[in-house]
């Protein structure tokens, strides 16, 4: 995933979270100000970024340790 694509993904996710906070939370009886909606959206966006990063690191670690990356590297070098 390119950096630009990742940034757009985070921005869209943040905007969706803010809109959801401002519309859904009041339906459950919570009084949410505009600032509250932005702050809650920011917290959940940061949590999501950390979660996505950690999952990507775990999968990369498993790929390297199970030999997939080494075998793929050997296949590419033998084709050259």
C-alpha atoms as a PDB file:
ATOM      1  CA  UNK A   1       0.000   0.000   0.000  1.00  0.00           C
ATOM      2  CA  UNK A   2       1.441   3.338  -0.977  1.00  0.00           C
ATOM      3  CA  UNK A   3       1.813   6.150   1.527  1.00  0.00           C
ATOM      4  CA  UNK A   4      -0.752   8.262  -0.342  1.00  0.00           C
ATOM      5  CA  UNK A   5      -3.290   5.433  -0.298  1.00  0.00           C
ATOM      6  CA  UNK A   6      -2.686   4.866   3.416  1.00  0.00           C
ATOM      7  CA  UNK A   7      -3.166   8.566   4.198  1.00  0.00           C
ATOM      8  CA  UNK A   8      -6.400   8.743   2.208  1.00  0.00           C
ATOM      9  CA  UNK A   9      -7.618   5.599   3.972  1.00  0.00           C
ATOM     10  CA  UNK A  10      -6.908   7.131   7.399  1.00  0.00           C
ATOM     11  CA  UNK A  11      -8.515  10.457   6.459  1.00  0.00           C
ATOM     12  CA  UNK A  12     -11.701   8.815   5.164  1.00  0.00           C
ATOM     13  CA  UNK A  13     -11.847   6.552   8.233  1.00  0.00           C
ATOM     14  CA  UNK A  14     -11.461   9.567  10.519  1.00  0.00           C
ATOM     15  CA  UNK A  15     -14.226  11.498   8.763  1.00  0.00           C
ATOM     16  CA  UNK A  16     -16.550   8.483   8.943  1.00  0.00           C
ATOM     17  CA  UNK A  17     -15.780   8.132  12.666  1.00  0.00           C
ATOM     18  CA  UNK A  18     -16.518  11.811  13.349  1.00  0.00           C
ATOM     19  CA  UNK A  19     -19.817  11.687  11.455  1.00  0.00           C
ATOM     20  CA  UNK A  20     -20.763   8.465  13.245  1.00  0.00           C
ATOM     21  CA  UNK A  21     -19.910   9.983  16.631  1.00  0.00           C
ATOM     22  CA  UNK A  22     -22.022  13.058  15.940  1.00  0.00           C
ATOM     23  CA  UNK A  23     -25.021  11.064  14.724  1.00  0.00           C
ATOM     24  CA  UNK A  24     -25.012   7.728  16.561  1.00  0.00           C
ATOM     25  CA  UNK A  25     -23.953   8.728  20.083  1.00  0.00           C
ATOM     26  CA  UNK A  26     -26.835  11.222  20.513  1.00  0.00           C
ATOM     27  CA  UNK A  27     -29.236   8.457  19.460  1.00  0.00           C
ATOM     28  CA  UNK A  28     -28.089   6.568  22.574  1.00  0.00           C
ATOM     29  CA  UNK A  29     -28.639   9.569  24.807  1.00  0.00           C
ATOM     30  CA  UNK A  30     -25.110  10.961  24.929  1.00  0.00           C
ATOM     31  CA  UNK A  31     -24.724  14.697  24.490  1.00  0.00           C
ATOM     32  CA  UNK A  32     -21.821  15.084  22.046  1.00  0.00           C
ATOM     33  CA  UNK A  33     -20.365  18.429  21.062  1.00  0.00           C
ATOM     34  CA  UNK A  34     -18.612  19.017  17.772  1.00  0.00           C
ATOM     35  CA  UNK A  35     -15.241  18.991  19.566  1.00  0.00           C
ATOM     36  CA  UNK A  36     -16.159  15.736  21.358  1.00  0.00           C
ATOM     37  CA  UNK A  37     -16.931  14.105  18.019  1.00  0.00           C
ATOM     38  CA  UNK A  38     -13.549  15.116  16.612  1.00  0.00           C
ATOM     39  CA  UNK A  39     -11.655  14.080  19.763  1.00  0.00           C
ATOM     40  CA  UNK A  40     -13.340  10.669  19.990  1.00  0.00           C
ATOM     41  CA  UNK A  41     -12.721  10.116  16.279  1.00  0.00           C
ATOM     42  CA  UNK A  42      -9.046  10.995  16.724  1.00  0.00           C
ATOM     43  CA  UNK A  43      -8.619   8.551  19.621  1.00  0.00           C
ATOM     44  CA  UNK A  44     -10.204   5.685  17.692  1.00  0.00           C
ATOM     45  CA  UNK A  45      -8.202   6.563  14.569  1.00  0.00           C
ATOM     46  CA  UNK A  46      -4.954   6.390  16.546  1.00  0.00           C
ATOM     47  CA  UNK A  47      -6.009   3.056  18.058  1.00  0.00           C
ATOM     48  CA  UNK A  48      -6.785   1.771  14.569  1.00  0.00           C
ATOM     49  CA  UNK A  49      -3.397   2.889  13.226  1.00  0.00           C
ATOM     50  CA  UNK A  50      -1.535   1.137  16.038  1.00  0.00           C
ATOM     51  CA  UNK A  51      -3.619  -2.016  15.566  1.00  0.00           C
ATOM     52  CA  UNK A  52      -3.004  -2.087  11.810  1.00  0.00           C
ATOM     53  CA  UNK A  53       0.730  -1.489  12.298  1.00  0.00           C
ATOM     54  CA  UNK A  54       1.085  -4.268  14.871  1.00  0.00           C
ATOM     55  CA  UNK A  55      -0.851  -6.767  12.750  1.00  0.00           C
ATOM     56  CA  UNK A  56       1.304  -5.942   9.722  1.00  0.00           C
ATOM     57  CA  UNK A  57       4.482  -6.431  11.795  1.00  0.00           C
ATOM     58  CA  UNK A  58       3.227  -9.799  13.095  1.00  0.00           C
ATOM     59  CA  UNK A  59       2.472 -11.043   9.590  1.00  0.00           C
ATOM     60  CA  UNK A  60       5.835  -9.790   8.283  1.00  0.00           C
ATOM     61  CA  UNK A  61       7.616 -11.527  11.154  1.00  0.00           C
ATOM     62  CA  UNK A  62       5.795 -14.793  10.451  1.00  0.00           C
ATOM     63  CA  UNK A  63       6.551 -14.516   6.715  1.00  0.00           C
ATOM     64  CA  UNK A  64      10.266 -14.119   7.369  1.00  0.00           C
ATOM     65  CA  UNK A  65      10.448 -16.872   9.982  1.00  0.00           C
ATOM     66  CA  UNK A  66       8.536 -19.492   8.002  1.00  0.00           C
ATOM     67  CA  UNK A  67      10.905 -19.132   5.058  1.00  0.00           C
ATOM     68  CA  UNK A  68       8.446 -17.638   2.566  1.00  0.00           C
ATOM     69  CA  UNK A  69      10.500 -14.501   2.030  1.00  0.00           C
ATOM     70  CA  UNK A  70      13.770 -16.426   1.759  1.00  0.00           C
ATOM     71  CA  UNK A  71      12.256 -18.898  -0.710  1.00  0.00           C
ATOM     72  CA  UNK A  72      10.694 -16.087  -2.742  1.00  0.00           C
ATOM     73  CA  UNK A  73      14.063 -14.318  -2.836  1.00  0.00           C
ATOM     74  CA  UNK A  74      15.715 -17.506  -4.133  1.00  0.00           C
ATOM     75  CA  UNK A  75      13.034 -17.896  -6.834  1.00  0.00           C
ATOM     76  CA  UNK A  76      13.530 -14.335  -8.037  1.00  0.00           C
ATOM     77  CA  UNK A  77      17.324 -14.721  -8.160  1.00  0.00           C
ATOM     78  CA  UNK A  78      17.139 -17.973 -10.123  1.00  0.00           C
ATOM     79  CA  UNK A  79      14.930 -16.323 -12.752  1.00  0.00           C
ATOM     80  CA  UNK A  80      17.488 -13.586 -13.441  1.00  0.00           C
END
